[in-house]
Amino acid sequence: TLWGAFTFILTFAAAGALMALGDTR
């Protein structure tokens, strides 16, 4: 799992930005 740590962090950051824009879908 540690080899893919960057994918988790980037996914969370993108999700936060989209939620702020009103896109939870």
mmCIF file of all heavy atoms, coordinates in Angstrom:
data_MODEL
# 
_entry.id   MODEL 
# 
loop_
_atom_site.group_PDB 
_atom_site.id 
_atom_site.type_symbol 
_atom_site.label_atom_id 
_atom_site.label_alt_id 
_atom_site.label_comp_id 
_atom_site.label_asym_id 
_atom_site.label_entity_id 
_atom_site.label_seq_id 
_atom_site.pdbx_PDB_ins_code 
_atom_site.Cartn_x 
_atom_site.Cartn_y 
_atom_site.Cartn_z 
_atom_site.occupancy 
_atom_site.B_iso_or_equiv 
_atom_site.pdbx_formal_charge 
_atom_site.auth_seq_id 
_atom_site.auth_comp_id 
_atom_site.auth_asym_id 
_atom_site.auth_atom_id 
_atom_site.pdbx_PDB_model_num 
ATOM 1   N N   . THR A 1 1  ? 0.822   -1.211 0.000   1.00 0.00 ? 1  THR A N   1 
ATOM 2   C CA  . THR A 1 1  ? 0.000   0.000  0.000   1.00 0.00 ? 1  THR A CA  1 
ATOM 3   C C   . THR A 1 1  ? 0.857   1.262  0.000   1.00 0.00 ? 1  THR A C   1 
ATOM 4   O O   . THR A 1 1  ? 0.490   2.262  -0.628  1.00 0.00 ? 1  THR A O   1 
ATOM 5   C CB  . THR A 1 1  ? -0.928  0.001  1.228   1.00 0.00 ? 1  THR A CB  1 
ATOM 6   O OG1 . THR A 1 1  ? -1.694  -1.200 1.238   1.00 0.00 ? 1  THR A OG1 1 
ATOM 7   C CG2 . THR A 1 1  ? -1.879  1.178  1.183   1.00 0.00 ? 1  THR A CG2 1 
ATOM 8   N N   . LEU A 1 2  ? 1.997   1.241  0.671   1.00 0.00 ? 2  LEU A N   1 
ATOM 9   C CA  . LEU A 1 2  ? 2.837   2.434  0.750   1.00 0.00 ? 2  LEU A CA  1 
ATOM 10  C C   . LEU A 1 2  ? 3.338   2.880  -0.622  1.00 0.00 ? 2  LEU A C   1 
ATOM 11  O O   . LEU A 1 2  ? 3.565   4.069  -0.842  1.00 0.00 ? 2  LEU A O   1 
ATOM 12  C CB  . LEU A 1 2  ? 4.019   2.187  1.689   1.00 0.00 ? 2  LEU A CB  1 
ATOM 13  C CG  . LEU A 1 2  ? 3.706   2.246  3.184   1.00 0.00 ? 2  LEU A CG  1 
ATOM 14  C CD1 . LEU A 1 2  ? 4.916   1.835  3.999   1.00 0.00 ? 2  LEU A CD1 1 
ATOM 15  C CD2 . LEU A 1 2  ? 3.244   3.640  3.587   1.00 0.00 ? 2  LEU A CD2 1 
ATOM 16  N N   . TRP A 1 3  ? 3.499   1.940  -1.549  1.00 0.00 ? 3  TRP A N   1 
ATOM 17  C CA  . TRP A 1 3  ? 3.935   2.316  -2.884  1.00 0.00 ? 3  TRP A CA  1 
ATOM 18  C C   . TRP A 1 3  ? 2.897   3.194  -3.593  1.00 0.00 ? 3  TRP A C   1 
ATOM 19  O O   . TRP A 1 3  ? 3.235   3.960  -4.493  1.00 0.00 ? 3  TRP A O   1 
ATOM 20  C CB  . TRP A 1 3  ? 4.215   1.078  -3.732  1.00 0.00 ? 3  TRP A CB  1 
ATOM 21  C CG  . TRP A 1 3  ? 5.456   0.345  -3.328  1.00 0.00 ? 3  TRP A CG  1 
ATOM 22  C CD1 . TRP A 1 3  ? 5.548   -0.883 -2.734  1.00 0.00 ? 3  TRP A CD1 1 
ATOM 23  C CD2 . TRP A 1 3  ? 6.813   0.790  -3.496  1.00 0.00 ? 3  TRP A CD2 1 
ATOM 24  N NE1 . TRP A 1 3  ? 6.858   -1.218 -2.497  1.00 0.00 ? 3  TRP A NE1 1 
ATOM 25  C CE2 . TRP A 1 3  ? 7.663   -0.210 -2.972  1.00 0.00 ? 3  TRP A CE2 1 
ATOM 26  C CE3 . TRP A 1 3  ? 7.381   1.943  -4.030  1.00 0.00 ? 3  TRP A CE3 1 
ATOM 27  C CZ2 . TRP A 1 3  ? 9.048   -0.092 -2.970  1.00 0.00 ? 3  TRP A CZ2 1 
ATOM 28  C CZ3 . TRP A 1 3  ? 8.769   2.067  -4.018  1.00 0.00 ? 3  TRP A CZ3 1 
ATOM 29  C CH2 . TRP A 1 3  ? 9.582   1.058  -3.499  1.00 0.00 ? 3  TRP A CH2 1 
ATOM 30  N N   . GLY A 1 4  ? 1.664   3.073  -3.190  1.00 0.00 ? 4  GLY A N   1 
ATOM 31  C CA  . GLY A 1 4  ? 0.609   3.881  -3.813  1.00 0.00 ? 4  GLY A CA  1 
ATOM 32  C C   . GLY A 1 4  ? 0.095   4.994  -2.928  1.00 0.00 ? 4  GLY A C   1 
ATOM 33  O O   . GLY A 1 4  ? -1.015  5.494  -3.151  1.00 0.00 ? 4  GLY A O   1 
ATOM 34  N N   . ALA A 1 5  ? 0.901   5.416  -1.950  1.00 0.00 ? 5  ALA A N   1 
ATOM 35  C CA  . ALA A 1 5  ? 0.449   6.441  -1.008  1.00 0.00 ? 5  ALA A CA  1 
ATOM 36  C C   . ALA A 1 5  ? 0.029   7.724  -1.718  1.00 0.00 ? 5  ALA A C   1 
ATOM 37  O O   . ALA A 1 5  ? -0.958  8.366  -1.342  1.00 0.00 ? 5  ALA A O   1 
ATOM 38  C CB  . ALA A 1 5  ? 1.550   6.737  0.011   1.00 0.00 ? 5  ALA A CB  1 
ATOM 39  N N   . PHE A 1 6  ? 0.760   8.086  -2.774  1.00 0.00 ? 6  PHE A N   1 
ATOM 40  C CA  . PHE A 1 6  ? 0.460   9.347  -3.450  1.00 0.00 ? 6  PHE A CA  1 
ATOM 41  C C   . PHE A 1 6  ? -0.931  9.340  -4.075  1.00 0.00 ? 6  PHE A C   1 
ATOM 42  O O   . PHE A 1 6  ? -1.597  10.377 -4.156  1.00 0.00 ? 6  PHE A O   1 
ATOM 43  C CB  . PHE A 1 6  ? 1.521   9.645  -4.520  1.00 0.00 ? 6  PHE A CB  1 
ATOM 44  C CG  . PHE A 1 6  ? 1.458   8.742  -5.716  1.00 0.00 ? 6  PHE A CG  1 
ATOM 45  C CD1 . PHE A 1 6  ? 0.814   9.147  -6.874  1.00 0.00 ? 6  PHE A CD1 1 
ATOM 46  C CD2 . PHE A 1 6  ? 2.052   7.488  -5.695  1.00 0.00 ? 6  PHE A CD2 1 
ATOM 47  C CE1 . PHE A 1 6  ? 0.759   8.315  -7.983  1.00 0.00 ? 6  PHE A CE1 1 
ATOM 48  C CE2 . PHE A 1 6  ? 2.000   6.651  -6.784  1.00 0.00 ? 6  PHE A CE2 1 
ATOM 49  C CZ  . PHE A 1 6  ? 1.349   7.061  -7.938  1.00 0.00 ? 6  PHE A CZ  1 
ATOM 50  N N   . THR A 1 7  ? -1.405  8.173  -4.507  1.00 0.00 ? 7  THR A N   1 
ATOM 51  C CA  . THR A 1 7  ? -2.733  8.114  -5.132  1.00 0.00 ? 7  THR A CA  1 
ATOM 52  C C   . THR A 1 7  ? -3.825  8.424  -4.118  1.00 0.00 ? 7  THR A C   1 
ATOM 53  O O   . THR A 1 7  ? -4.836  9.056  -4.457  1.00 0.00 ? 7  THR A O   1 
ATOM 54  C CB  . THR A 1 7  ? -2.981  6.731  -5.755  1.00 0.00 ? 7  THR A CB  1 
ATOM 55  O OG1 . THR A 1 7  ? -2.986  5.727  -4.731  1.00 0.00 ? 7  THR A OG1 1 
ATOM 56  C CG2 . THR A 1 7  ? -1.907  6.382  -6.769  1.00 0.00 ? 7  THR A CG2 1 
ATOM 57  N N   . PHE A 1 8  ? -3.640  8.009  -2.874  1.00 0.00 ? 8  PHE A N   1 
ATOM 58  C CA  . PHE A 1 8  ? -4.627  8.283  -1.835  1.00 0.00 ? 8  PHE A CA  1 
ATOM 59  C C   . PHE A 1 8  ? -4.702  9.773  -1.528  1.00 0.00 ? 8  PHE A C   1 
ATOM 60  O O   . PHE A 1 8  ? -5.789  10.359 -1.464  1.00 0.00 ? 8  PHE A O   1 
ATOM 61  C CB  . PHE A 1 8  ? -4.286  7.509  -0.561  1.00 0.00 ? 8  PHE A CB  1 
ATOM 62  C CG  . PHE A 1 8  ? -4.461  6.030  -0.676  1.00 0.00 ? 8  PHE A CG  1 
ATOM 63  C CD1 . PHE A 1 8  ? -3.440  5.229  -1.174  1.00 0.00 ? 8  PHE A CD1 1 
ATOM 64  C CD2 . PHE A 1 8  ? -5.646  5.431  -0.289  1.00 0.00 ? 8  PHE A CD2 1 
ATOM 65  C CE1 . PHE A 1 8  ? -3.600  3.851  -1.285  1.00 0.00 ? 8  PHE A CE1 1 
ATOM 66  C CE2 . PHE A 1 8  ? -5.819  4.057  -0.391  1.00 0.00 ? 8  PHE A CE2 1 
ATOM 67  C CZ  . PHE A 1 8  ? -4.793  3.267  -0.895  1.00 0.00 ? 8  PHE A CZ  1 
ATOM 68  N N   . ILE A 1 9  ? -3.544  10.397 -1.312  1.00 0.00 ? 9  ILE A N   1 
ATOM 69  C CA  . ILE A 1 9  ? -3.518  11.814 -0.946  1.00 0.00 ? 9  ILE A CA  1 
ATOM 70  C C   . ILE A 1 9  ? -4.089  12.666 -2.074  1.00 0.00 ? 9  ILE A C   1 
ATOM 71  O O   . ILE A 1 9  ? -4.895  13.581 -1.837  1.00 0.00 ? 9  ILE A O   1 
ATOM 72  C CB  . ILE A 1 9  ? -2.077  12.268 -0.627  1.00 0.00 ? 9  ILE A CB  1 
ATOM 73  C CG1 . ILE A 1 9  ? -1.437  11.361 0.429   1.00 0.00 ? 9  ILE A CG1 1 
ATOM 74  C CG2 . ILE A 1 9  ? -2.076  13.716 -0.163  1.00 0.00 ? 9  ILE A CG2 1 
ATOM 75  C CD1 . ILE A 1 9  ? -2.107  11.402 1.768   1.00 0.00 ? 9  ILE A CD1 1 
ATOM 76  N N   . LEU A 1 10 ? -3.702  12.386 -3.310  1.00 0.00 ? 10 LEU A N   1 
ATOM 77  C CA  . LEU A 1 10 ? -4.205  13.166 -4.445  1.00 0.00 ? 10 LEU A CA  1 
ATOM 78  C C   . LEU A 1 10 ? -5.707  12.992 -4.624  1.00 0.00 ? 10 LEU A C   1 
ATOM 79  O O   . LEU A 1 10 ? -6.419  13.940 -4.971  1.00 0.00 ? 10 LEU A O   1 
ATOM 80  C CB  . LEU A 1 10 ? -3.471  12.755 -5.725  1.00 0.00 ? 10 LEU A CB  1 
ATOM 81  C CG  . LEU A 1 10 ? -1.994  13.149 -5.806  1.00 0.00 ? 10 LEU A CG  1 
ATOM 82  C CD1 . LEU A 1 10 ? -1.355  12.574 -7.079  1.00 0.00 ? 10 LEU A CD1 1 
ATOM 83  C CD2 . LEU A 1 10 ? -1.846  14.665 -5.791  1.00 0.00 ? 10 LEU A CD2 1 
ATOM 84  N N   . THR A 1 11 ? -6.205  11.789 -4.381  1.00 0.00 ? 11 THR A N   1 
ATOM 85  C CA  . THR A 1 11 ? -7.642  11.552 -4.497  1.00 0.00 ? 11 THR A CA  1 
ATOM 86  C C   . THR A 1 11 ? -8.411  12.370 -3.470  1.00 0.00 ? 11 THR A C   1 
ATOM 87  O O   . THR A 1 11 ? -9.432  12.999 -3.790  1.00 0.00 ? 11 THR A O   1 
ATOM 88  C CB  . THR A 1 11 ? -7.953  10.050 -4.304  1.00 0.00 ? 11 THR A CB  1 
ATOM 89  O OG1 . THR A 1 11 ? -7.293  9.303  -5.330  1.00 0.00 ? 11 THR A OG1 1 
ATOM 90  C CG2 . THR A 1 11 ? -9.447  9.795  -4.401  1.00 0.00 ? 11 THR A CG2 1 
ATOM 91  N N   . PHE A 1 12 ? -7.933  12.391 -2.233  1.00 0.00 ? 12 PHE A N   1 
ATOM 92  C CA  . PHE A 1 12 ? -8.602  13.172 -1.196  1.00 0.00 ? 12 PHE A CA  1 
ATOM 93  C C   . PHE A 1 12 ? -8.592  14.660 -1.519  1.00 0.00 ? 12 PHE A C   1 
ATOM 94  O O   . PHE A 1 12 ? -9.602  15.354 -1.334  1.00 0.00 ? 12 PHE A O   1 
ATOM 95  C CB  . PHE A 1 12 ? -7.924  12.937 0.155   1.00 0.00 ? 12 PHE A CB  1 
ATOM 96  C CG  . PHE A 1 12 ? -8.407  11.714 0.877   1.00 0.00 ? 12 PHE A CG  1 
ATOM 97  C CD1 . PHE A 1 12 ? -7.565  10.626 1.087   1.00 0.00 ? 12 PHE A CD1 1 
ATOM 98  C CD2 . PHE A 1 12 ? -9.704  11.645 1.355   1.00 0.00 ? 12 PHE A CD2 1 
ATOM 99  C CE1 . PHE A 1 12 ? -8.014  9.500  1.762   1.00 0.00 ? 12 PHE A CE1 1 
ATOM 100 C CE2 . PHE A 1 12 ? -10.159 10.520 2.030   1.00 0.00 ? 12 PHE A CE2 1 
ATOM 101 C CZ  . PHE A 1 12 ? -9.308  9.444  2.232   1.00 0.00 ? 12 PHE A CZ  1 
ATOM 102 N N   . ALA A 1 13 ? -7.454  15.190 -1.990  1.00 0.00 ? 13 ALA A N   1 
ATOM 103 C CA  . ALA A 1 13 ? -7.364  16.616 -2.304  1.00 0.00 ? 13 ALA A CA  1 
ATOM 104 C C   . ALA A 1 13 ? -8.318  16.989 -3.438  1.00 0.00 ? 13 ALA A C   1 
ATOM 105 O O   . ALA A 1 13 ? -9.010  18.014 -3.378  1.00 0.00 ? 13 ALA A O   1 
ATOM 106 C CB  . ALA A 1 13 ? -5.928  16.979 -2.681  1.00 0.00 ? 13 ALA A CB  1 
ATOM 107 N N   . ALA A 1 14 ? -8.369  16.159 -4.470  1.00 0.00 ? 14 ALA A N   1 
ATOM 108 C CA  . ALA A 1 14 ? -9.274  16.422 -5.589  1.00 0.00 ? 14 ALA A CA  1 
ATOM 109 C C   . ALA A 1 14 ? -10.727 16.362 -5.141  1.00 0.00 ? 14 ALA A C   1 
ATOM 110 O O   . ALA A 1 14 ? -11.555 17.185 -5.545  1.00 0.00 ? 14 ALA A O   1 
ATOM 111 C CB  . ALA A 1 14 ? -9.028  15.419 -6.714  1.00 0.00 ? 14 ALA A CB  1 
ATOM 112 N N   . ALA A 1 15 ? -11.053 15.385 -4.294  1.00 0.00 ? 15 ALA A N   1 
ATOM 113 C CA  . ALA A 1 15 ? -12.423 15.263 -3.794  1.00 0.00 ? 15 ALA A CA  1 
ATOM 114 C C   . ALA A 1 15 ? -12.817 16.496 -2.984  1.00 0.00 ? 15 ALA A C   1 
ATOM 115 O O   . ALA A 1 15 ? -13.940 17.000 -3.107  1.00 0.00 ? 15 ALA A O   1 
ATOM 116 C CB  . ALA A 1 15 ? -12.556 14.007 -2.939  1.00 0.00 ? 15 ALA A CB  1 
ATOM 117 N N   . GLY A 1 16 ? -11.891 17.008 -2.156  1.00 0.00 ? 16 GLY A N   1 
ATOM 118 C CA  . GLY A 1 16 ? -12.179 18.204 -1.374  1.00 0.00 ? 16 GLY A CA  1 
ATOM 119 C C   . GLY A 1 16 ? -12.444 19.417 -2.247  1.00 0.00 ? 16 GLY A C   1 
ATOM 120 O O   . GLY A 1 16 ? -13.364 20.197 -1.989  1.00 0.00 ? 16 GLY A O   1 
ATOM 121 N N   . ALA A 1 17 ? -11.633 19.573 -3.309  1.00 0.00 ? 17 ALA A N   1 
ATOM 122 C CA  . ALA A 1 17 ? -11.830 20.697 -4.231  1.00 0.00 ? 17 ALA A CA  1 
ATOM 123 C C   . ALA A 1 17 ? -13.171 20.592 -4.951  1.00 0.00 ? 17 ALA A C   1 
ATOM 124 O O   . ALA A 1 17 ? -13.905 21.578 -5.098  1.00 0.00 ? 17 ALA A O   1 
ATOM 125 C CB  . ALA A 1 17 ? -10.685 20.746 -5.238  1.00 0.00 ? 17 ALA A CB  1 
ATOM 126 N N   . LEU A 1 18 ? -13.512 19.404 -5.404  1.00 0.00 ? 18 LEU A N   1 
ATOM 127 C CA  . LEU A 1 18 ? -14.783 19.216 -6.105  1.00 0.00 ? 18 LEU A CA  1 
ATOM 128 C C   . LEU A 1 18 ? -15.976 19.439 -5.176  1.00 0.00 ? 18 LEU A C   1 
ATOM 129 O O   . LEU A 1 18 ? -16.998 20.008 -5.591  1.00 0.00 ? 18 LEU A O   1 
ATOM 130 C CB  . LEU A 1 18 ? -14.843 17.811 -6.713  1.00 0.00 ? 18 LEU A CB  1 
ATOM 131 C CG  . LEU A 1 18 ? -13.957 17.592 -7.948  1.00 0.00 ? 18 LEU A CG  1 
ATOM 132 C CD1 . LEU A 1 18 ? -13.882 16.114 -8.303  1.00 0.00 ? 18 LEU A CD1 1 
ATOM 133 C CD2 . LEU A 1 18 ? -14.489 18.395 -9.141  1.00 0.00 ? 18 LEU A CD2 1 
ATOM 134 N N   . MET A 1 19 ? -15.865 18.995 -3.923  1.00 0.00 ? 19 MET A N   1 
ATOM 135 C CA  . MET A 1 19 ? -16.951 19.224 -2.974  1.00 0.00 ? 19 MET A CA  1 
ATOM 136 C C   . MET A 1 19 ? -17.147 20.712 -2.727  1.00 0.00 ? 19 MET A C   1 
ATOM 137 O O   . MET A 1 19 ? -18.280 21.188 -2.592  1.00 0.00 ? 19 MET A O   1 
ATOM 138 C CB  . MET A 1 19 ? -16.653 18.494 -1.662  1.00 0.00 ? 19 MET A CB  1 
ATOM 139 C CG  . MET A 1 19 ? -16.786 16.986 -1.764  1.00 0.00 ? 19 MET A CG  1 
ATOM 140 S SD  . MET A 1 19 ? -16.208 16.146 -0.276  1.00 0.00 ? 19 MET A SD  1 
ATOM 141 C CE  . MET A 1 19 ? -16.339 14.427 -0.804  1.00 0.00 ? 19 MET A CE  1 
ATOM 142 N N   . ALA A 1 20 ? -16.059 21.459 -2.639  1.00 0.00 ? 20 ALA A N   1 
ATOM 143 C CA  . ALA A 1 20 ? -16.161 22.910 -2.464  1.00 0.00 ? 20 ALA A CA  1 
ATOM 144 C C   . ALA A 1 20 ? -16.859 23.555 -3.655  1.00 0.00 ? 20 ALA A C   1 
ATOM 145 O O   . ALA A 1 20 ? -17.559 24.560 -3.512  1.00 0.00 ? 20 ALA A O   1 
ATOM 146 C CB  . ALA A 1 20 ? -14.766 23.508 -2.277  1.00 0.00 ? 20 ALA A CB  1 
ATOM 147 N N   . LEU A 1 21 ? -16.679 22.969 -4.831  1.00 0.00 ? 21 LEU A N   1 
ATOM 148 C CA  . LEU A 1 21 ? -17.331 23.464 -6.046  1.00 0.00 ? 21 LEU A CA  1 
ATOM 149 C C   . LEU A 1 21 ? -18.776 22.982 -6.173  1.00 0.00 ? 21 LEU A C   1 
ATOM 150 O O   . LEU A 1 21 ? -19.469 23.336 -7.133  1.00 0.00 ? 21 LEU A O   1 
ATOM 151 C CB  . LEU A 1 21 ? -16.538 23.015 -7.279  1.00 0.00 ? 21 LEU A CB  1 
ATOM 152 C CG  . LEU A 1 21 ? -15.181 23.715 -7.485  1.00 0.00 ? 21 LEU A CG  1 
ATOM 153 C CD1 . LEU A 1 21 ? -14.299 22.917 -8.424  1.00 0.00 ? 21 LEU A CD1 1 
ATOM 154 C CD2 . LEU A 1 21 ? -15.406 25.120 -8.033  1.00 0.00 ? 21 LEU A CD2 1 
ATOM 155 N N   . GLY A 1 22 ? -19.210 22.171 -5.216  1.00 0.00 ? 22 GLY A N   1 
ATOM 156 C CA  . GLY A 1 22 ? -20.582 21.680 -5.248  1.00 0.00 ? 22 GLY A CA  1 
ATOM 157 C C   . GLY A 1 22 ? -20.745 20.353 -5.955  1.00 0.00 ? 22 GLY A C   1 
ATOM 158 O O   . GLY A 1 22 ? -21.874 19.887 -6.164  1.00 0.00 ? 22 GLY A O   1 
ATOM 159 N N   . ASP A 1 23 ? -19.638 19.712 -6.326  1.00 0.00 ? 23 ASP A N   1 
ATOM 160 C CA  . ASP A 1 23 ? -19.691 18.430 -7.041  1.00 0.00 ? 23 ASP A CA  1 
ATOM 161 C C   . ASP A 1 23 ? -19.323 17.294 -6.085  1.00 0.00 ? 23 ASP A C   1 
ATOM 162 O O   . ASP A 1 23 ? -18.148 17.048 -5.829  1.00 0.00 ? 23 ASP A O   1 
ATOM 163 C CB  . ASP A 1 23 ? -18.735 18.455 -8.239  1.00 0.00 ? 23 ASP A CB  1 
ATOM 164 C CG  . ASP A 1 23 ? -18.717 17.136 -9.004  1.00 0.00 ? 23 ASP A CG  1 
ATOM 165 O OD1 . ASP A 1 23 ? -19.508 16.231 -8.661  1.00 0.00 ? 23 ASP A OD1 1 
ATOM 166 O OD2 . ASP A 1 23 ? -17.902 16.999 -9.930  1.00 0.00 ? 23 ASP A OD2 1 
ATOM 167 N N   . THR A 1 24 ? -20.328 16.627 -5.540  1.00 0.00 ? 24 THR A N   1 
ATOM 168 C CA  . THR A 1 24 ? -20.077 15.437 -4.722  1.00 0.00 ? 24 THR A CA  1 
ATOM 169 C C   . THR A 1 24 ? -20.295 14.160 -5.526  1.00 0.00 ? 24 THR A C   1 
ATOM 170 O O   . THR A 1 24 ? -19.974 13.071 -5.057  1.00 0.00 ? 24 THR A O   1 
ATOM 171 C CB  . THR A 1 24 ? -21.013 15.414 -3.497  1.00 0.00 ? 24 THR A CB  1 
ATOM 172 O OG1 . THR A 1 24 ? -22.373 15.417 -3.952  1.00 0.00 ? 24 THR A OG1 1 
ATOM 173 C CG2 . THR A 1 24 ? -20.775 16.621 -2.607  1.00 0.00 ? 24 THR A CG2 1 
ATOM 174 N N   . ARG A 1 25 ? -20.855 14.310 -6.722  1.00 0.00 ? 25 ARG A N   1 
ATOM 175 C CA  . ARG A 1 25 ? -21.200 13.128 -7.513  1.00 0.00 ? 25 ARG A CA  1 
ATOM 176 C C   . ARG A 1 25 ? -19.972 12.422 -8.078  1.00 0.00 ? 25 ARG A C   1 
ATOM 177 O O   . ARG A 1 25 ? -19.942 11.194 -8.158  1.00 0.00 ? 25 ARG A O   1 
ATOM 178 C CB  . ARG A 1 25 ? -22.137 13.519 -8.653  1.00 0.00 ? 25 ARG A CB  1 
ATOM 179 C CG  . ARG A 1 25 ? -23.494 14.014 -8.181  1.00 0.00 ? 25 ARG A CG  1 
ATOM 180 C CD  . ARG A 1 25 ? -24.406 14.328 -9.350  1.00 0.00 ? 25 ARG A CD  1 
ATOM 181 N NE  . ARG A 1 25 ? -25.728 14.767 -8.877  1.00 0.00 ? 25 ARG A NE  1 
ATOM 182 C CZ  . ARG A 1 25 ? -26.727 15.103 -9.679  1.00 0.00 ? 25 ARG A CZ  1 
ATOM 183 N NH1 . ARG A 1 25 ? -26.553 15.049 -10.993 1.00 0.00 ? 25 ARG A NH1 1 
ATOM 184 N NH2 . ARG A 1 25 ? -27.878 15.483 -9.177  1.00 0.00 ? 25 ARG A NH2 1 
# 
